[in-house]
Amino acid sequence: MSQSEIDRLYRTYGFIIYGRCIRLLGCRDEARDATQVVFMKLLRAYETIQDKERVVPWIFRTAQNHCFNLLRDRKKFVYGVEPDELVDQRNDGDGFTKKDLIEQVMKRFNRAVREAVYYSYVEEFDQREIQKLTGQSPATIRRNLKRFREALPVALKRLGMDGV
């Protein structure tokens, strides 16, 4: 593949790859790195793609899969801390930090519920994206979100945070 062909591909598809990566990763630096990786994959696979009309869907799928793998590897979600550890993490004596409160509430739920909540409400992924990340079916994701919404008031009350 010639340099001019590579340049043409990047001018044509680079912004698509970058846009998808930044939407999924939420970080420009990580999106730039991911764009490079996905573009390199495109360069390697371009000659084997029979129907050039299918390049854009191929890019979206490849970028999405790459970013989901990065998110999964990143293990962004904190699964909780021991209550004894929170004593030293209090903020200026006024109570727990928001992060501490979230950790205490979330650790009361199983991993599947935590993942569904995190990817739905924090990352704002749709159910198909969450399914690819977690392996949960859309119906399971909905059930887990419902469990969380129903159990949240009880969990907050047990922690003495029902007025929060």
Protein backbone atom coordinates (compact mmCIF):
# COMPACT_ATOMS: atom_id res chain seq x y z
CA MET A 1 0.00 0.00 0.00
CA SER A 2 1.46 3.36 -1.00
CA GLN A 3 1.92 6.36 1.27
CA SER A 4 -0.70 8.28 -0.73
CA GLU A 5 -3.22 5.47 -0.21
CA ILE A 6 -2.50 5.47 3.55
CA ASP A 7 -2.91 9.26 3.64
CA ARG A 8 -6.20 8.99 1.76
CA LEU A 9 -7.50 6.35 4.16
CA TYR A 10 -6.53 8.45 7.17
CA ARG A 11 -8.14 11.61 5.75
CA THR A 12 -11.25 9.64 4.90
CA TYR A 13 -11.65 7.53 8.04
CA GLY A 14 -9.40 8.99 10.76
CA PHE A 15 -12.02 11.35 12.15
CA ILE A 16 -14.59 8.53 12.27
CA ILE A 17 -12.25 6.33 14.27
CA TYR A 18 -11.26 9.17 16.61
CA GLY A 19 -14.87 10.26 17.17
CA ARG A 20 -15.95 6.76 18.10
CA CYS A 21 -12.97 6.26 20.41
CA ILE A 22 -13.41 9.57 22.23
CA ARG A 23 -17.11 8.87 22.75
CA LEU A 24 -16.37 5.49 24.26
CA LEU A 25 -13.24 6.31 26.24
CA GLY A 26 -14.02 9.89 27.22
CA CYS A 27 -10.36 10.89 27.13
CA ARG A 28 -8.70 12.60 24.19
CA ASP A 29 -5.25 11.12 24.83
CA GLU A 30 -6.61 7.58 25.09
CA ALA A 31 -8.79 8.18 22.04
CA ARG A 32 -5.75 9.32 20.01
CA ASP A 33 -3.84 6.19 21.04
CA ALA A 34 -6.83 3.98 20.28
CA THR A 35 -7.27 5.71 16.91
CA GLN A 36 -3.71 4.82 15.99
CA VAL A 37 -4.24 1.19 16.95
CA VAL A 38 -7.53 0.93 15.05
CA PHE A 39 -6.06 2.71 12.02
CA MET A 40 -3.15 0.25 12.01
CA LYS A 41 -5.69 -2.59 12.10
CA LEU A 42 -7.48 -0.95 9.17
CA LEU A 43 -4.22 -0.75 7.21
CA ARG A 44 -3.54 -4.43 7.80
CA ALA A 45 -7.08 -5.50 6.91
CA TYR A 46 -7.97 -3.04 4.14
CA GLU A 47 -6.82 -5.23 1.27
CA THR A 48 -8.82 -8.19 2.62
CA ILE A 49 -12.07 -6.23 2.91
CA GLN A 50 -13.94 -7.37 -0.19
CA ASP A 51 -16.77 -4.85 -0.14
CA LYS A 52 -15.23 -1.40 0.36
CA GLU A 53 -18.75 -0.10 1.12
CA ARG A 54 -18.47 -2.08 4.36
CA VAL A 55 -15.34 -0.25 5.54
CA VAL A 56 -17.17 2.24 7.78
CA PRO A 57 -19.15 -0.44 9.67
CA TRP A 58 -15.88 -2.41 9.97
CA ILE A 59 -14.19 0.67 11.47
CA PHE A 60 -17.02 1.26 13.93
CA ARG A 61 -17.03 -2.36 15.04
CA THR A 62 -13.23 -2.51 15.35
CA ALA A 63 -13.00 0.81 17.22
CA GLN A 64 -15.82 -0.18 19.53
CA ASN A 65 -14.30 -3.59 20.30
CA HIS A 66 -10.87 -2.08 20.87
CA CYS A 67 -12.24 0.59 23.22
CA PHE A 68 -14.38 -1.93 25.10
CA ASN A 69 -11.28 -4.08 25.60
CA LEU A 70 -9.42 -1.04 26.94
CA LEU A 71 -12.26 -0.23 29.32
CA ARG A 72 -12.46 -3.82 30.50
CA ASP A 73 -8.70 -3.94 31.03
CA ARG A 74 -8.73 -0.61 32.82
CA LYS A 75 -11.10 -1.95 35.48
CA LYS A 76 -12.27 1.55 36.14
CA PHE A 77 -14.86 0.60 38.71
CA VAL A 78 -13.87 0.56 42.38
CA TYR A 79 -15.59 -2.34 44.11
CA GLY A 80 -15.51 -1.00 47.65
CA VAL A 81 -13.29 -0.60 50.66
CA GLU A 82 -13.34 -1.93 54.18
CA PRO A 83 -15.28 0.26 56.63
CA ASP A 84 -12.17 0.57 58.83
CA GLU A 85 -10.30 2.14 55.92
CA LEU A 86 -12.92 4.88 55.65
CA VAL A 87 -12.12 6.30 59.08
CA ASP A 88 -8.89 7.77 57.71
CA GLN A 89 -10.50 8.97 54.48
CA ARG A 90 -13.10 11.30 55.98
CA ASN A 91 -13.18 14.79 54.53
CA ASP A 92 -12.45 17.66 56.97
CA GLY A 93 -14.58 16.03 59.66
CA ASP A 94 -17.82 16.82 57.82
CA GLY A 95 -18.56 13.22 56.87
CA PHE A 96 -17.70 10.84 54.10
CA THR A 97 -16.68 12.02 50.67
CA LYS A 98 -19.09 11.29 47.82
CA LYS A 99 -16.72 8.59 46.59
CA ASP A 100 -16.76 6.93 50.03
CA LEU A 101 -20.57 6.94 50.10
CA ILE A 102 -20.82 5.49 46.60
CA GLU A 103 -18.30 2.76 47.45
CA GLN A 104 -20.19 1.80 50.61
CA VAL A 105 -23.51 1.58 48.78
CA MET A 106 -22.13 -0.21 45.71
CA LYS A 107 -20.23 -2.87 47.59
CA ARG A 108 -23.56 -4.15 48.88
CA PHE A 109 -24.44 -5.34 45.36
CA ASN A 110 -22.97 -8.18 43.33
CA ARG A 111 -20.58 -7.55 40.48
CA ALA A 112 -23.20 -7.90 37.73
CA VAL A 113 -25.38 -5.21 39.33
CA ARG A 114 -22.38 -2.92 39.92
CA GLU A 115 -21.30 -3.27 36.29
CA ALA A 116 -24.80 -2.58 34.96
CA VAL A 117 -25.12 0.49 37.19
CA TYR A 118 -21.65 1.82 36.42
CA TYR A 119 -21.81 1.40 32.66
CA SER A 120 -25.41 2.71 32.50
CA TYR A 121 -25.24 5.72 34.79
CA VAL A 122 -21.57 6.72 34.83
CA GLU A 123 -20.35 5.78 31.34
CA GLU A 124 -23.86 6.21 29.84
CA PHE A 125 -23.42 3.23 27.55
CA ASP A 126 -26.44 1.69 25.88
CA GLN A 127 -27.44 -1.89 26.62
CA ARG A 128 -25.70 -3.33 23.54
CA GLU A 129 -22.42 -1.74 24.61
CA ILE A 130 -22.86 -3.01 28.16
CA GLN A 131 -23.66 -6.47 26.82
CA LYS A 132 -20.36 -6.54 24.90
CA LEU A 133 -18.43 -5.40 27.97
CA THR A 134 -20.03 -7.61 30.57
CA GLY A 135 -21.69 -10.49 28.73
CA GLN A 136 -25.01 -9.65 30.37
CA SER A 137 -28.07 -9.83 28.14
CA PRO A 138 -30.19 -6.67 27.80
CA ALA A 139 -32.91 -8.32 29.91
CA THR A 140 -30.36 -9.09 32.65
CA ILE A 141 -29.05 -5.53 32.51
CA ARG A 142 -32.60 -4.19 32.97
CA ARG A 143 -33.20 -6.61 35.88
CA ASN A 144 -29.93 -5.60 37.54
CA LEU A 145 -30.73 -1.89 37.19
CA LYS A 146 -34.19 -2.53 38.64
CA ARG A 147 -32.64 -4.46 41.57
CA PHE A 148 -30.34 -1.55 42.23
CA ARG A 149 -33.12 1.05 42.12
CA GLU A 150 -35.31 -1.05 44.43
CA ALA A 151 -32.54 -1.90 46.91
CA LEU A 152 -30.86 1.52 47.01
CA PRO A 153 -33.16 3.08 49.64
CA VAL A 154 -32.65 0.06 51.94
CA ALA A 155 -28.86 0.12 51.46
CA LEU A 156 -28.74 3.85 52.19
CA LYS A 157 -30.87 3.41 55.29
CA ARG A 158 -28.61 0.60 56.62
CA LEU A 159 -25.64 2.90 56.21
CA GLY A 160 -27.47 5.70 57.97
CA MET A 161 -27.53 7.76 54.79
CA ASP A 162 -31.25 7.72 54.01
CA GLY A 163 -31.40 11.50 54.36
CA VAL A 164 -28.57 12.02 51.85
